[in-house]
Amino acid sequence: MKSRTVFAILGALALVASCAHTDPRPADMTPAEKSAKTRADHIALANQYDEVAKALQAKAEAEKGELGEYIEHAAYYGRQTEDLKEHSQALIRDYEEAAEKNRRMANAHRRMAEQARQ
């Protein structure tokens, strides 16, 4: 009986952990930015920022799908429907803003790469 309880608790914790959202902020590449001196360094940073922006935009698109589910099947979610919709809208906004910040950082590093010496 005790082992069933332990497994049930571990399963519940795993489920909760899998539902957790990551922090939708721009990537922190401060150490790499401080050491970037050459054109190749700045291009590499720009590529990293682009990859992070793509990942954040993909998360926003996935959340838009969730929002569509909440809207389409509002009756399934009962009283929680409005909270779920607002939460999804906030996540979409945060992910898109973070993606845009990362795209701006990528563009800034491309400009720095143009100005940098070999």
PDB file of N, CA and C in Angstrom:
ATOM      1  N   MET A   1       0.817  -1.199   0.000  1.00  0.00           N
ATOM      2  CA  MET A   1       0.000   0.000   0.000  1.00  0.00           C
ATOM      3  C   MET A   1       0.860   1.261   0.000  1.00  0.00           C
ATOM      4  N   LYS A   2       1.943   1.259   0.752  1.00  0.00           N
ATOM      5  CA  LYS A   2       2.800   2.441   0.826  1.00  0.00           C
ATOM      6  C   LYS A   2       3.470   2.726  -0.512  1.00  0.00           C
ATOM      7  N   SER A   3       3.862   1.668  -1.208  1.00  0.00           N
ATOM      8  CA  SER A   3       4.541   1.887  -2.491  1.00  0.00           C
ATOM      9  C   SER A   3       3.583   2.514  -3.512  1.00  0.00           C
ATOM     10  N   ARG A   4       2.325   2.159  -3.460  1.00  0.00           N
ATOM     11  CA  ARG A   4       1.351   2.768  -4.360  1.00  0.00           C
ATOM     12  C   ARG A   4       1.233   4.263  -4.086  1.00  0.00           C
ATOM     13  N   THR A   5       1.205   4.627  -2.834  1.00  0.00           N
ATOM     14  CA  THR A   5       1.113   6.041  -2.463  1.00  0.00           C
ATOM     15  C   THR A   5       2.336   6.804  -2.951  1.00  0.00           C
ATOM     16  N   VAL A   6       3.503   6.209  -2.757  1.00  0.00           N
ATOM     17  CA  VAL A   6       4.739   6.860  -3.184  1.00  0.00           C
ATOM     18  C   VAL A   6       4.733   7.058  -4.697  1.00  0.00           C
ATOM     19  N   PHE A   7       4.346   6.027  -5.440  1.00  0.00           N
ATOM     20  CA  PHE A   7       4.307   6.140  -6.896  1.00  0.00           C
ATOM     21  C   PHE A   7       3.254   7.144  -7.352  1.00  0.00           C
ATOM     22  N   ALA A   8       2.142   7.204  -6.663  1.00  0.00           N
ATOM     23  CA  ALA A   8       1.101   8.169  -7.012  1.00  0.00           C
ATOM     24  C   ALA A   8       1.598   9.595  -6.796  1.00  0.00           C
ATOM     25  N   ILE A   9       2.292   9.813  -5.701  1.00  0.00           N
ATOM     26  CA  ILE A   9       2.838  11.142  -5.416  1.00  0.00           C
ATOM     27  C   ILE A   9       3.908  11.511  -6.440  1.00  0.00           C
ATOM     28  N   LEU A  10       4.790  10.569  -6.759  1.00  0.00           N
ATOM     29  CA  LEU A  10       5.832  10.837  -7.752  1.00  0.00           C
ATOM     30  C   LEU A  10       5.220  11.115  -9.129  1.00  0.00           C
ATOM     31  N   GLY A  11       4.185  10.389  -9.468  1.00  0.00           N
ATOM     32  CA  GLY A  11       3.509  10.626 -10.736  1.00  0.00           C
ATOM     33  C   GLY A  11       2.876  11.996 -10.790  1.00  0.00           C
ATOM     34  N   ALA A  12       2.238  12.390  -9.689  1.00  0.00           N
ATOM     35  CA  ALA A  12       1.615  13.709  -9.632  1.00  0.00           C
ATOM     36  C   ALA A  12       2.669  14.811  -9.734  1.00  0.00           C
ATOM     37  N   LEU A  13       3.793  14.642  -9.070  1.00  0.00           N
ATOM     38  CA  LEU A  13       4.872  15.632  -9.137  1.00  0.00           C
ATOM     39  C   LEU A  13       5.449  15.722 -10.552  1.00  0.00           C
ATOM     40  N   ALA A  14       5.592  14.583 -11.204  1.00  0.00           N
ATOM     41  CA  ALA A  14       6.103  14.580 -12.572  1.00  0.00           C
ATOM     42  C   ALA A  14       5.140  15.307 -13.504  1.00  0.00           C
ATOM     43  N   LEU A  15       3.850  15.098 -13.300  1.00  0.00           N
ATOM     44  CA  LEU A  15       2.849  15.774 -14.127  1.00  0.00           C
ATOM     45  C   LEU A  15       2.895  17.283 -13.928  1.00  0.00           C
ATOM     46  N   VAL A  16       2.993  17.711 -12.686  1.00  0.00           N
ATOM     47  CA  VAL A  16       3.061  19.140 -12.388  1.00  0.00           C
ATOM     48  C   VAL A  16       4.331  19.751 -12.991  1.00  0.00           C
ATOM     49  N   ALA A  17       5.443  19.049 -12.875  1.00  0.00           N
ATOM     50  CA  ALA A  17       6.698  19.570 -13.412  1.00  0.00           C
ATOM     51  C   ALA A  17       6.660  19.669 -14.932  1.00  0.00           C
ATOM     52  N   SER A  18       5.996  18.735 -15.582  1.00  0.00           N
ATOM     53  CA  SER A  18       5.937  18.771 -17.041  1.00  0.00           C
ATOM     54  C   SER A  18       5.050  19.898 -17.553  1.00  0.00           C
ATOM     55  N   CYS A  19       4.144  20.390 -16.740  1.00  0.00           N
ATOM     56  CA  CYS A  19       3.244  21.470 -17.142  1.00  0.00           C
ATOM     57  C   CYS A  19       3.840  22.849 -16.900  1.00  0.00           C
ATOM     58  N   ALA A  20       4.950  22.916 -16.215  1.00  0.00           N
ATOM     59  CA  ALA A  20       5.555  24.205 -15.879  1.00  0.00           C
ATOM     60  C   ALA A  20       6.073  24.880 -17.139  1.00  0.00           C
ATOM     61  N   HIS A  21       5.862  26.183 -17.240  1.00  0.00           N
ATOM     62  CA  HIS A  21       6.326  26.950 -18.390  1.00  0.00           C
ATOM     63  C   HIS A  21       7.702  27.509 -18.084  1.00  0.00           C
ATOM     64  N   THR A  22       8.495  27.642 -19.126  1.00  0.00           N
ATOM     65  CA  THR A  22       9.810  28.222 -18.948  1.00  0.00           C
ATOM     66  C   THR A  22       9.699  29.739 -18.903  1.00  0.00           C
ATOM     67  N   ASP A  23      10.749  30.366 -18.486  1.00  0.00           N
ATOM     68  CA  ASP A  23      10.775  31.810 -18.345  1.00  0.00           C
ATOM     69  C   ASP A  23      10.855  32.469 -19.724  1.00  0.00           C
ATOM     70  N   PRO A  24       9.848  33.235 -20.123  1.00  0.00           N
ATOM     71  CA  PRO A  24       9.841  33.817 -21.463  1.00  0.00           C
ATOM     72  C   PRO A  24      10.589  35.133 -21.559  1.00  0.00           C
ATOM     73  N   ARG A  25      11.838  35.137 -21.168  1.00  0.00           N
ATOM     74  CA  ARG A  25      12.649  36.345 -21.273  1.00  0.00           C
ATOM     75  C   ARG A  25      13.724  36.125 -22.323  1.00  0.00           C
ATOM     76  N   PRO A  26      14.333  37.208 -22.789  1.00  0.00           N
ATOM     77  CA  PRO A  26      15.403  37.014 -23.754  1.00  0.00           C
ATOM     78  C   PRO A  26      16.541  36.209 -23.131  1.00  0.00           C
ATOM     79  N   ALA A  27      17.242  35.499 -23.959  1.00  0.00           N
ATOM     80  CA  ALA A  27      18.330  34.657 -23.474  1.00  0.00           C
ATOM     81  C   ALA A  27      19.422  35.521 -22.844  1.00  0.00           C
ATOM     82  N   ASP A  28      20.020  35.024 -21.777  1.00  0.00           N
ATOM     83  CA  ASP A  28      21.097  35.750 -21.123  1.00  0.00           C
ATOM     84  C   ASP A  28      22.424  35.250 -21.669  1.00  0.00           C
ATOM     85  N   MET A  29      23.001  36.032 -22.534  1.00  0.00           N
ATOM     86  CA  MET A  29      24.276  35.673 -23.137  1.00  0.00           C
ATOM     87  C   MET A  29      25.340  36.690 -22.745  1.00  0.00           C
ATOM     88  N   THR A  30      25.217  37.222 -21.543  1.00  0.00           N
ATOM     89  CA  THR A  30      26.117  38.274 -21.078  1.00  0.00           C
ATOM     90  C   THR A  30      27.588  37.875 -21.168  1.00  0.00           C
ATOM     91  N   PRO A  31      27.984  36.683 -20.674  1.00  0.00           N
ATOM     92  CA  PRO A  31      29.411  36.339 -20.767  1.00  0.00           C
ATOM     93  C   PRO A  31      29.914  36.312 -22.215  1.00  0.00           C
ATOM     94  N   ALA A  32      29.125  35.770 -23.115  1.00  0.00           N
ATOM     95  CA  ALA A  32      29.537  35.709 -24.520  1.00  0.00           C
ATOM     96  C   ALA A  32      29.574  37.104 -25.127  1.00  0.00           C
ATOM     97  N   GLU A  33      28.641  37.971 -24.721  1.00  0.00           N
ATOM     98  CA  GLU A  33      28.620  39.326 -25.253  1.00  0.00           C
ATOM     99  C   GLU A  33      29.853  40.114 -24.807  1.00  0.00           C
ATOM    100  N   LYS A  34      30.261  39.915 -23.553  1.00  0.00           N
ATOM    101  CA  LYS A  34      31.415  40.646 -23.038  1.00  0.00           C
ATOM    102  C   LYS A  34      32.704  40.232 -23.738  1.00  0.00           C
ATOM    103  N   SER A  35      32.765  38.970 -24.146  1.00  0.00           N
ATOM    104  CA  SER A  35      33.993  38.490 -24.775  1.00  0.00           C
ATOM    105  C   SER A  35      33.967  38.602 -26.298  1.00  0.00           C
ATOM    106  N   ALA A  36      32.852  39.024 -26.882  1.00  0.00           N
ATOM    107  CA  ALA A  36      32.746  39.126 -28.338  1.00  0.00           C
ATOM    108  C   ALA A  36      33.584  40.293 -28.847  1.00  0.00           C
ATOM    109  N   LYS A  37      34.524  39.970 -29.707  1.00  0.00           N
ATOM    110  CA  LYS A  37      35.400  41.001 -30.257  1.00  0.00           C
ATOM    111  C   LYS A  37      35.439  40.947 -31.780  1.00  0.00           C
ATOM    112  N   THR A  38      35.375  39.758 -32.317  1.00  0.00           N
ATOM    113  CA  THR A  38      35.529  39.614 -33.761  1.00  0.00           C
ATOM    114  C   THR A  38      34.180  39.531 -34.457  1.00  0.00           C
ATOM    115  N   ARG A  39      34.254  39.614 -35.770  1.00  0.00           N
ATOM    116  CA  ARG A  39      33.060  39.495 -36.605  1.00  0.00           C
ATOM    117  C   ARG A  39      32.397  38.132 -36.371  1.00  0.00           C
ATOM    118  N   ALA A  40      33.192  37.077 -36.302  1.00  0.00           N
ATOM    119  CA  ALA A  40      32.653  35.724 -36.106  1.00  0.00           C
ATOM    120  C   ALA A  40      31.941  35.601 -34.764  1.00  0.00           C
ATOM    121  N   ASP A  41      32.475  36.243 -33.730  1.00  0.00           N
ATOM    122  CA  ASP A  41      31.833  36.210 -32.410  1.00  0.00           C
ATOM    123  C   ASP A  41      30.439  36.830 -32.472  1.00  0.00           C
ATOM    124  N   HIS A  42      30.341  37.980 -33.124  1.00  0.00           N
ATOM    125  CA  HIS A  42      29.057  38.672 -33.207  1.00  0.00           C
ATOM    126  C   HIS A  42      28.058  37.904 -34.073  1.00  0.00           C
ATOM    127  N   ILE A  43      28.551  37.295 -35.143  1.00  0.00           N
ATOM    128  CA  ILE A  43      27.656  36.493 -35.987  1.00  0.00           C
ATOM    129  C   ILE A  43      27.151  35.284 -35.209  1.00  0.00           C
ATOM    130  N   ALA A  44      28.025  34.660 -34.426  1.00  0.00           N
ATOM    131  CA  ALA A  44      27.606  33.515 -33.616  1.00  0.00           C
ATOM    132  C   ALA A  44      26.548  33.932 -32.596  1.00  0.00           C
ATOM    133  N   LEU A  45      26.743  35.084 -31.976  1.00  0.00           N
ATOM    134  CA  LEU A  45      25.747  35.582 -31.019  1.00  0.00           C
ATOM    135  C   LEU A  45      24.427  35.888 -31.719  1.00  0.00           C
ATOM    136  N   ALA A  46      24.499  36.487 -32.895  1.00  0.00           N
ATOM    137  CA  ALA A  46      23.275  36.782 -33.644  1.00  0.00           C
ATOM    138  C   ALA A  46      22.522  35.493 -33.960  1.00  0.00           C
ATOM    139  N   ASN A  47      23.247  34.468 -34.349  1.00  0.00           N
ATOM    140  CA  ASN A  47      22.609  33.182 -34.646  1.00  0.00           C
ATOM    141  C   ASN A  47      21.968  32.575 -33.400  1.00  0.00           C
ATOM    142  N   GLN A  48      22.637  32.705 -32.259  1.00  0.00           N
ATOM    143  CA  GLN A  48      22.064  32.187 -31.012  1.00  0.00           C
ATOM    144  C   GLN A  48      20.781  32.936 -30.656  1.00  0.00           C
ATOM    145  N   TYR A  49      20.802  34.243 -30.782  1.00  0.00           N
ATOM    146  CA  TYR A  49      19.598  35.021 -30.486  1.00  0.00           C
ATOM    147  C   TYR A  49      18.466  34.659 -31.451  1.00  0.00           C
ATOM    148  N   ASP A  50      18.800  34.414 -32.711  1.00  0.00           N
ATOM    149  CA  ASP A  50      17.776  33.993 -33.668  1.00  0.00           C
ATOM    150  C   ASP A  50      17.154  32.656 -33.280  1.00  0.00           C
ATOM    151  N   GLU A  51      17.977  31.724 -32.835  1.00  0.00           N
ATOM    152  CA  GLU A  51      17.465  30.412 -32.429  1.00  0.00           C
ATOM    153  C   GLU A  51      16.529  30.533 -31.228  1.00  0.00           C
ATOM    154  N   VAL A  52      16.904  31.358 -30.271  1.00  0.00           N
ATOM    155  CA  VAL A  52      16.050  31.565 -29.097  1.00  0.00           C
ATOM    156  C   VAL A  52      14.738  32.219 -29.512  1.00  0.00           C
ATOM    157  N   ALA A  53      14.816  33.181 -30.427  1.00  0.00           N
ATOM    158  CA  ALA A  53      13.605  33.861 -30.912  1.00  0.00           C
ATOM    159  C   ALA A  53      12.678  32.869 -31.607  1.00  0.00           C
ATOM    160  N   LYS A  54      13.232  31.975 -32.404  1.00  0.00           N
ATOM    161  CA  LYS A  54      12.412  30.962 -33.079  1.00  0.00           C
ATOM    162  C   LYS A  54      11.740  30.040 -32.071  1.00  0.00           C
ATOM    163  N   ALA A  55      12.483  29.635 -31.044  1.00  0.00           N
ATOM    164  CA  ALA A  55      11.910  28.754 -30.025  1.00  0.00           C
ATOM    165  C   ALA A  55      10.781  29.455 -29.269  1.00  0.00           C
ATOM    166  N   LEU A  56      10.979  30.716 -28.931  1.00  0.00           N
ATOM    167  CA  LEU A  56       9.941  31.467 -28.232  1.00  0.00           C
ATOM    168  C   LEU A  56       8.715  31.687 -29.111  1.00  0.00           C
ATOM    169  N   GLN A  57       8.941  31.934 -30.387  1.00  0.00           N
ATOM    170  CA  GLN A  57       7.812  32.111 -31.298  1.00  0.00           C
ATOM    171  C   GLN A  57       7.040  30.796 -31.444  1.00  0.00           C
ATOM    172  N   ALA A  58       7.747  29.671 -31.450  1.00  0.00           N
ATOM    173  CA  ALA A  58       7.078  28.369 -31.518  1.00  0.00           C
ATOM    174  C   ALA A  58       6.227  28.134 -30.265  1.00  0.00           C
ATOM    175  N   LYS A  59       6.733  28.558 -29.112  1.00  0.00           N
ATOM    176  CA  LYS A  59       5.949  28.435 -27.882  1.00  0.00           C
ATOM    177  C   LYS A  59       4.701  29.310 -27.948  1.00  0.00           C
ATOM    178  N   ALA A  60       4.842  30.494 -28.528  1.00  0.00           N
ATOM    179  CA  ALA A  60       3.684  31.381 -28.669  1.00  0.00           C
ATOM    180  C   ALA A  60       2.645  30.747 -29.587  1.00  0.00           C
ATOM    181  N   GLU A  61       3.096  30.135 -30.666  1.00  0.00           N
ATOM    182  CA  GLU A  61       2.167  29.483 -31.594  1.00  0.00           C
ATOM    183  C   GLU A  61       1.462  28.306 -30.923  1.00  0.00           C
ATOM    184  N   ALA A  62       2.198  27.543 -30.134  1.00  0.00           N
ATOM    185  CA  ALA A  62       1.588  26.423 -29.416  1.00  0.00           C
ATOM    186  C   ALA A  62       0.546  26.928 -28.421  1.00  0.00           C
ATOM    187  N   GLU A  63       0.851  28.023 -27.768  1.00  0.00           N
ATOM    188  CA  GLU A  63      -0.092  28.597 -26.804  1.00  0.00           C
ATOM    189  C   GLU A  63      -1.319  29.146 -27.514  1.00  0.00           C
ATOM    190  N   LYS A  64      -1.148  29.640 -28.743  1.00  0.00           N
ATOM    191  CA  LYS A  64      -2.303  30.088 -29.523  1.00  0.00           C
ATOM    192  C   LYS A  64      -3.232  28.910 -29.815  1.00  0.00           C
ATOM    193  N   GLY A  65      -2.646  27.732 -30.024  1.00  0.00           N
ATOM    194  CA  GLY A  65      -3.461  26.535 -30.213  1.00  0.00           C
ATOM    195  C   GLY A  65      -4.241  26.195 -28.957  1.00  0.00           C
ATOM    196  N   GLU A  66      -3.595  26.336 -27.805  1.00  0.00           N
ATOM    197  CA  GLU A  66      -4.280  26.107 -26.533  1.00  0.00           C
ATOM    198  C   GLU A  66      -5.423  27.104 -26.352  1.00  0.00           C
ATOM    199  N   LEU A  67      -5.158  28.353 -26.685  1.00  0.00           N
ATOM    200  CA  LEU A  67      -6.189  29.381 -26.565  1.00  0.00           C
ATOM    201  C   LEU A  67      -7.377  29.042 -27.454  1.00  0.00           C
ATOM    202  N   GLY A  68      -7.096  28.590 -28.655  1.00  0.00           N
ATOM    203  CA  GLY A  68      -8.173  28.181 -29.549  1.00  0.00           C
ATOM    204  C   GLY A  68      -9.000  27.043 -28.962  1.00  0.00           C
ATOM    205  N   GLU A  69      -8.333  26.127 -28.294  1.00  0.00           N
ATOM    206  CA  GLU A  69      -9.035  25.020 -27.634  1.00  0.00           C
ATOM    207  C   GLU A  69      -9.948  25.555 -26.530  1.00  0.00           C
ATOM    208  N   TYR A  70      -9.446  26.484 -25.749  1.00  0.00           N
ATOM    209  CA  TYR A  70     -10.263  27.042 -24.663  1.00  0.00           C
ATOM    210  C   TYR A  70     -11.473  27.783 -25.211  1.00  0.00           C
ATOM    211  N   ILE A  71     -11.285  28.473 -26.328  1.00  0.00           N
ATOM    212  CA  ILE A  71     -12.394  29.220 -26.921  1.00  0.00           C
ATOM    213  C   ILE A  71     -13.407  28.265 -27.546  1.00  0.00           C
ATOM    214  N   GLU A  72     -12.898  27.292 -28.302  1.00  0.00           N
ATOM    215  CA  GLU A  72     -13.776  26.373 -29.021  1.00  0.00           C
ATOM    216  C   GLU A  72     -14.564  25.451 -28.090  1.00  0.00           C
ATOM    217  N   HIS A  73     -13.932  25.029 -27.008  1.00  0.00           N
ATOM    218  CA  HIS A  73     -14.577  24.081 -26.090  1.00  0.00           C
ATOM    219  C   HIS A  73     -14.728  24.683 -24.697  1.00  0.00           C
ATOM    220  N   ALA A  74     -15.224  25.892 -24.639  1.00  0.00           N
ATOM    221  CA  ALA A  74     -15.362  26.597 -23.363  1.00  0.00           C
ATOM    222  C   ALA A  74     -16.228  25.820 -22.377  1.00  0.00           C
ATOM    223  N   ALA A  75     -17.194  25.111 -22.880  1.00  0.00           N
ATOM    224  CA  ALA A  75     -18.102  24.373 -21.987  1.00  0.00           C
ATOM    225  C   ALA A  75     -17.369  23.281 -21.218  1.00  0.00           C
ATOM    226  N   TYR A  76     -16.300  22.752 -21.786  1.00  0.00           N
ATOM    227  CA  TYR A  76     -15.546  21.691 -21.105  1.00  0.00           C
ATOM    228  C   TYR A  76     -14.836  22.206 -19.855  1.00  0.00           C
ATOM    229  N   TYR A  77     -14.472  23.465 -19.871  1.00  0.00           N
ATOM    230  CA  TYR A  77     -13.641  24.014 -18.801  1.00  0.00           C
ATOM    231  C   TYR A  77     -14.432  24.759 -17.737  1.00  0.00           C
ATOM    232  N   GLY A  78     -15.704  24.943 -17.967  1.00  0.00           N
ATOM    233  CA  GLY A  78     -16.574  25.546 -16.966  1.00  0.00           C
ATOM    234  C   GLY A  78     -16.136  26.925 -16.544  1.00  0.00           C
ATOM    235  N   ARG A  79     -16.150  27.141 -15.237  1.00  0.00           N
ATOM    236  CA  ARG A  79     -15.826  28.467 -14.685  1.00  0.00           C
ATOM    237  C   ARG A  79     -14.387  28.889 -14.937  1.00  0.00           C
ATOM    238  N   GLN A  80     -13.533  27.939 -15.177  1.00  0.00           N
ATOM    239  CA  GLN A  80     -12.114  28.250 -15.365  1.00  0.00           C
ATOM    240  C   GLN A  80     -11.802  28.795 -16.754  1.00  0.00           C
ATOM    241  N   THR A  81     -12.772  28.766 -17.645  1.00  0.00           N
ATOM    242  CA  THR A  81     -12.530  29.144 -19.038  1.00  0.00           C
ATOM    243  C   THR A  81     -11.904  30.526 -19.157  1.00  0.00           C
ATOM    244  N   GLU A  82     -12.462  31.516 -18.517  1.00  0.00           N
ATOM    245  CA  GLU A  82     -11.935  32.884 -18.638  1.00  0.00           C
ATOM    246  C   GLU A  82     -10.525  32.991 -18.084  1.00  0.00           C
ATOM    247  N   ASP A  83     -10.268  32.344 -16.953  1.00  0.00           N
ATOM    248  CA  ASP A  83      -8.916  32.368 -16.390  1.00  0.00           C
ATOM    249  C   ASP A  83      -7.922  31.710 -17.340  1.00  0.00           C
ATOM    250  N   LEU A  84      -8.302  30.591 -17.919  1.00  0.00           N
ATOM    251  CA  LEU A  84      -7.420  29.888 -18.839  1.00  0.00           C
ATOM    252  C   LEU A  84      -7.149  30.729 -20.088  1.00  0.00           C
ATOM    253  N   LYS A  85      -8.180  31.378 -20.597  1.00  0.00           N
ATOM    254  CA  LYS A  85      -7.997  32.231 -21.779  1.00  0.00           C
ATOM    255  C   LYS A  85      -7.078  33.406 -21.459  1.00  0.00           C
ATOM    256  N   GLU A  86      -7.292  34.050 -20.327  1.00  0.00           N
ATOM    257  CA  GLU A  86      -6.443  35.190 -19.949  1.00  0.00           C
ATOM    258  C   GLU A  86      -4.999  34.756 -19.746  1.00  0.00           C
ATOM    259  N   HIS A  87      -4.820  33.590 -19.126  1.00  0.00           N
ATOM    260  CA  HIS A  87      -3.470  33.072 -18.903  1.00  0.00           C
ATOM    261  C   HIS A  87      -2.777  32.798 -20.245  1.00  0.00           C
ATOM    262  N   SER A  88      -3.495  32.175 -21.171  1.00  0.00           N
ATOM    263  CA  SER A  88      -2.921  31.893 -22.494  1.00  0.00           C
ATOM    264  C   SER A  88      -2.578  33.181 -23.225  1.00  0.00           C
ATOM    265  N   GLN A  89      -3.459  34.170 -23.169  1.00  0.00           N
ATOM    266  CA  GLN A  89      -3.189  35.446 -23.831  1.00  0.00           C
ATOM    267  C   GLN A  89      -1.961  36.127 -23.248  1.00  0.00           C
ATOM    268  N   ALA A  90      -1.807  36.045 -21.933  1.00  0.00           N
ATOM    269  CA  ALA A  90      -0.633  36.648 -21.289  1.00  0.00           C
ATOM    270  C   ALA A  90       0.642  35.925 -21.712  1.00  0.00           C
ATOM    271  N   LEU A  91       0.593  34.597 -21.773  1.00  0.00           N
ATOM    272  CA  LEU A  91       1.772  33.847 -22.201  1.00  0.00           C
ATOM    273  C   LEU A  91       2.128  34.153 -23.652  1.00  0.00           C
ATOM    274  N   ILE A  92       1.117  34.234 -24.499  1.00  0.00           N
ATOM    275  CA  ILE A  92       1.362  34.563 -25.905  1.00  0.00           C
ATOM    276  C   ILE A  92       2.048  35.919 -26.010  1.00  0.00           C
ATOM    277  N   ARG A  93       1.512  36.892 -25.288  1.00  0.00           N
ATOM    278  CA  ARG A  93       2.100  38.236 -25.311  1.00  0.00           C
ATOM    279  C   ARG A  93       3.546  38.200 -24.806  1.00  0.00           C
ATOM    280  N   ASP A  94       3.799  37.508 -23.700  1.00  0.00           N
ATOM    281  CA  ASP A  94       5.153  37.445 -23.142  1.00  0.00           C
ATOM    282  C   ASP A  94       6.121  36.747 -24.093  1.00  0.00           C
ATOM    283  N   TYR A  95       5.701  35.614 -24.658  1.00  0.00           N
ATOM    284  CA  TYR A  95       6.576  34.895 -25.589  1.00  0.00           C
ATOM    285  C   TYR A  95       6.878  35.734 -26.822  1.00  0.00           C
ATOM    286  N   GLU A  96       5.879  36.405 -27.361  1.00  0.00           N
ATOM    287  CA  GLU A  96       6.106  37.213 -28.559  1.00  0.00           C
ATOM    288  C   GLU A  96       6.998  38.417 -28.267  1.00  0.00           C
ATOM    289  N   GLU A  97       6.816  39.044 -27.107  1.00  0.00           N
ATOM    290  CA  GLU A  97       7.685  40.174 -26.741  1.00  0.00           C
ATOM    291  C   GLU A  97       9.128  39.703 -26.561  1.00  0.00           C
ATOM    292  N   ALA A  98       9.308  38.568 -25.910  1.00  0.00           N
ATOM    293  CA  ALA A  98      10.660  38.046 -25.707  1.00  0.00           C
ATOM    294  C   ALA A  98      11.295  37.661 -27.040  1.00  0.00           C
ATOM    295  N   ALA A  99      10.517  37.075 -27.938  1.00  0.00           N
ATOM    296  CA  ALA A  99      11.039  36.723 -29.258  1.00  0.00           C
ATOM    297  C   ALA A  99      11.474  37.980 -30.009  1.00  0.00           C
ATOM    298  N   GLU A 100      10.681  39.027 -29.921  1.00  0.00           N
ATOM    299  CA  GLU A 100      11.030  40.281 -30.588  1.00  0.00           C
ATOM    300  C   GLU A 100      12.311  40.876 -29.996  1.00  0.00           C
ATOM    301  N   LYS A 101      12.469  40.831 -28.681  1.00  0.00           N
ATOM    302  CA  LYS A 101      13.695  41.336 -28.052  1.00  0.00           C
ATOM    303  C   LYS A 101      14.910  40.554 -28.539  1.00  0.00           C
ATOM    304  N   ASN A 102      14.751  39.235 -28.659  1.00  0.00           N
ATOM    305  CA  ASN A 102      15.862  38.418 -29.144  1.00  0.00           C
ATOM    306  C   ASN A 102      16.179  38.731 -30.603  1.00  0.00           C
ATOM    307  N   ARG A 103      15.162  38.985 -31.423  1.00  0.00           N
ATOM    308  CA  ARG A 103      15.410  39.359 -32.819  1.00  0.00           C
ATOM    309  C   ARG A 103      16.154  40.700 -32.901  1.00  0.00           C
ATOM    310  N   ARG A 104      15.780  41.643 -32.026  1.00  0.00           N
ATOM    311  CA  ARG A 104      16.479  42.937 -32.012  1.00  0.00           C
ATOM    312  C   ARG A 104      17.941  42.772 -31.604  1.00  0.00           C
ATOM    313  N   MET A 105      18.175  41.893 -30.617  1.00  0.00           N
ATOM    314  CA  MET A 105      19.558  41.635 -30.199  1.00  0.00           C
ATOM    315  C   MET A 105      20.352  40.992 -31.338  1.00  0.00           C
ATOM    316  N   ALA A 106      19.720  40.094 -32.074  1.00  0.00           N
ATOM    317  CA  ALA A 106      20.393  39.454 -33.211  1.00  0.00           C
ATOM    318  C   ALA A 106      20.758  40.510 -34.253  1.00  0.00           C
ATOM    319  N   ASN A 107      19.831  41.402 -34.543  1.00  0.00           N
ATOM    320  CA  ASN A 107      20.108  42.461 -35.520  1.00  0.00           C
ATOM    321  C   ASN A 107      21.221  43.385 -35.041  1.00  0.00           C
ATOM    322  N   ALA A 108      21.227  43.685 -33.746  1.00  0.00           N
ATOM    323  CA  ALA A 108      22.282  44.541 -33.197  1.00  0.00           C
ATOM    324  C   ALA A 108      23.648  43.870 -33.361  1.00  0.00           C
ATOM    325  N   HIS A 109      23.712  42.575 -33.119  1.00  0.00           N
ATOM    326  CA  HIS A 109      24.999  41.884 -33.257  1.00  0.00           C
ATOM    327  C   HIS A 109      25.408  41.750 -34.720  1.00  0.00           C
ATOM    328  N   ARG A 110      24.455  41.690 -35.626  1.00  0.00           N
ATOM    329  CA  ARG A 110      24.807  41.689 -37.049  1.00  0.00           C
ATOM    330  C   ARG A 110      25.425  43.039 -37.446  1.00  0.00           C
ATOM    331  N   ARG A 111      24.853  44.119 -36.901  1.00  0.00           N
ATOM    332  CA  ARG A 111      25.434  45.444 -37.176  1.00  0.00           C
ATOM    333  C   ARG A 111      26.840  45.540 -36.581  1.00  0.00           C
ATOM    334  N   MET A 112      27.019  44.999 -35.369  1.00  0.00           N
ATOM    335  CA  MET A 112      28.353  45.012 -34.758  1.00  0.00           C
ATOM    336  C   MET A 112      29.334  44.169 -35.572  1.00  0.00           C
ATOM    337  N   ALA A 113      28.840  43.068 -36.137  1.00  0.00           N
ATOM    338  CA  ALA A 113      29.718  42.211 -36.954  1.00  0.00           C
ATOM    339  C   ALA A 113      30.189  42.955 -38.192  1.00  0.00           C
ATOM    340  N   GLU A 114      29.317  43.783 -38.767  1.00  0.00           N
ATOM    341  CA  GLU A 114      29.714  44.573 -39.939  1.00  0.00           C
ATOM    342  C   GLU A 114      30.796  45.582 -39.598  1.00  0.00           C
ATOM    343  N   GLN A 115      30.757  46.091 -38.369  1.00  0.00           N
ATOM    344  CA  GLN A 115      31.712  47.114 -37.957  1.00  0.00           C
ATOM    345  C   GLN A 115      33.000  46.519 -37.364  1.00  0.00           C
ATOM    346  N   ALA A 116      32.937  45.266 -36.965  1.00  0.00           N
ATOM    347  CA  ALA A 116      34.087  44.635 -36.287  1.00  0.00           C
ATOM    348  C   ALA A 116      35.197  44.305 -37.281  1.00  0.00           C
ATOM    349  N   ARG A 117      36.394  44.252 -36.714  1.00  0.00           N
ATOM    350  CA  ARG A 117      37.531  43.804 -37.522  1.00  0.00           C
ATOM    351  C   ARG A 117      37.501  42.290 -37.553  1.00  0.00           C
ATOM    352  N   GLN A 118      38.230  41.720 -38.498  1.00  0.00           N
ATOM    353  CA  GLN A 118      38.292  40.259 -38.625  1.00  0.00           C
ATOM    354  C   GLN A 118      38.654  39.706 -37.290  1.00  0.00           C
TER     355      GLN A 118
END
